[in-house]
Protein backbone atom coordinates (compact mmCIF):
# COMPACT_ATOMS: atom_id res chain seq x y z
CA MET A 1 0.10 -0.08 -0.06
CA LEU A 2 1.24 3.57 -0.62
CA PHE A 3 1.05 6.16 2.08
CA ILE A 4 1.93 9.80 2.26
CA VAL A 5 3.67 11.00 5.28
CA HIS A 6 3.49 14.78 5.75
CA PHE A 7 5.82 16.21 8.24
CA HIS A 8 5.35 19.68 9.87
CA ASP A 9 8.45 21.22 11.44
CA ASN A 10 8.58 22.61 14.91
CA GLU A 11 9.06 25.98 14.64
CA THR A 12 10.56 26.33 18.31
CA ALA A 13 13.35 23.70 17.40
CA GLU A 14 16.89 24.58 17.48
CA PRO A 15 17.62 26.06 13.92
CA ASP A 16 20.43 24.00 13.25
CA LEU A 17 18.73 20.46 13.97
CA ARG A 18 18.28 19.83 10.41
CA ALA A 19 21.77 20.38 9.12
CA ARG A 20 23.30 18.56 12.21
CA TYR A 21 21.15 15.35 11.70
CA MET A 22 20.85 15.74 7.64
CA ALA A 23 23.53 12.87 7.11
CA ALA A 24 22.16 10.46 9.54
CA HIS A 25 18.54 11.23 7.96
CA LEU A 26 19.81 10.69 4.24
CA ALA A 27 21.58 7.28 5.42
CA PHE A 28 18.34 6.29 6.94
CA LEU A 29 16.41 6.90 3.97
CA GLY A 30 19.03 4.92 1.88
CA ASP A 31 18.84 2.17 4.22
CA HIS A 32 14.91 2.03 3.71
CA LYS A 33 14.92 2.70 -0.06
CA GLY A 34 12.77 -0.25 -0.45
CA GLN A 35 9.96 1.17 1.67
CA ILE A 36 10.57 4.87 1.09
CA GLN A 37 10.02 5.50 -2.58
CA ALA A 38 10.40 9.14 -2.53
CA ALA A 39 11.38 11.83 0.16
CA GLY A 40 12.04 15.61 0.47
CA PRO A 41 11.32 19.05 1.88
CA LEU A 42 8.30 20.98 1.08
CA LYS A 43 9.22 24.74 0.43
CA GLU A 44 7.29 27.74 1.34
CA GLN A 45 6.77 30.46 -1.25
CA ASP A 46 9.68 32.34 0.36
CA GLY A 47 11.93 29.14 0.12
CA GLN A 48 11.93 28.25 3.83
CA ILE A 49 11.58 24.68 4.56
CA LYS A 50 8.90 24.07 7.18
CA SER A 51 7.75 20.51 6.17
CA GLY A 52 8.49 17.60 4.37
CA LEU A 53 6.93 14.68 2.47
CA TRP A 54 7.66 10.90 2.11
CA LEU A 55 5.96 8.58 -0.32
CA VAL A 56 6.10 5.03 1.26
CA ASP A 57 5.12 1.58 0.19
CA VAL A 58 4.40 -0.52 3.53
CA GLU A 59 1.83 -2.80 4.43
CA SER A 60 -0.05 -0.43 6.62
CA ALA A 61 -0.08 2.86 8.42
CA ASP A 62 1.51 1.25 11.46
CA ALA A 63 4.56 0.32 9.59
CA ALA A 64 4.58 3.92 7.98
CA TRP A 65 4.70 5.11 11.74
CA ALA A 66 7.31 2.55 12.60
CA LEU A 67 9.52 4.30 9.94
CA VAL A 68 8.82 7.91 11.04
CA HIS A 69 9.70 6.79 14.76
CA ALA A 70 13.01 5.27 13.44
CA ASP A 71 14.23 8.23 11.64
CA PRO A 72 17.20 10.11 13.32
CA PHE A 73 15.22 13.31 12.85
CA TRP A 74 12.38 12.01 15.11
CA PRO A 75 13.92 12.14 18.58
CA THR A 76 15.45 15.63 17.91
CA GLY A 77 12.34 17.64 18.33
CA LEU A 78 12.45 18.73 14.63
CA ARG A 79 9.01 17.24 13.74
CA ASP A 80 6.13 18.91 15.39
CA ARG A 81 3.21 17.06 13.62
CA VAL A 82 2.98 14.05 11.46
CA GLU A 83 0.13 13.15 9.09
CA ILE A 84 -0.14 9.74 7.40
CA LYS A 85 -2.61 8.98 4.95
CA GLN A 86 -3.02 6.02 2.40
CA TRP A 87 -2.60 7.14 -1.24
CA ALA A 88 -4.61 5.69 -4.16
CA GLN A 89 -2.43 6.51 -7.35
CA VAL A 90 -4.89 6.66 -10.17
CA PHE A 91 -2.58 8.29 -12.78
CA ALA A 92 1.11 8.13 -13.82
CA ASP A 93 3.45 8.52 -16.66
CA GLY A 94 0.59 10.04 -18.84
CA GLU A 95 -1.72 7.14 -18.11
CA ALA A 96 -4.74 6.37 -16.10
CA LEU A 97 -3.90 3.33 -13.76
CA ILE A 98 -7.38 2.25 -13.19
């Protein structure tokens, strides 16, 4: 099943948290490339990063939550809120999938 994981940053977190833990975060993403299909920041109109998004292919929302909690960013306080929603892809590469 495909899930979208939408992370919202904690605006009161230390400003350098993302930079300090980025190498560990990227290594984590690489280690889980079979489950985390895509990942990246969401930029505001002014270019600031205040959230991020993953597309994960796992068996359940609980499995997606397990990935979130295993991410090195999780215990740092960088994340304020996380939303996980199942995604039903109906269009890709110029073609309908249903």
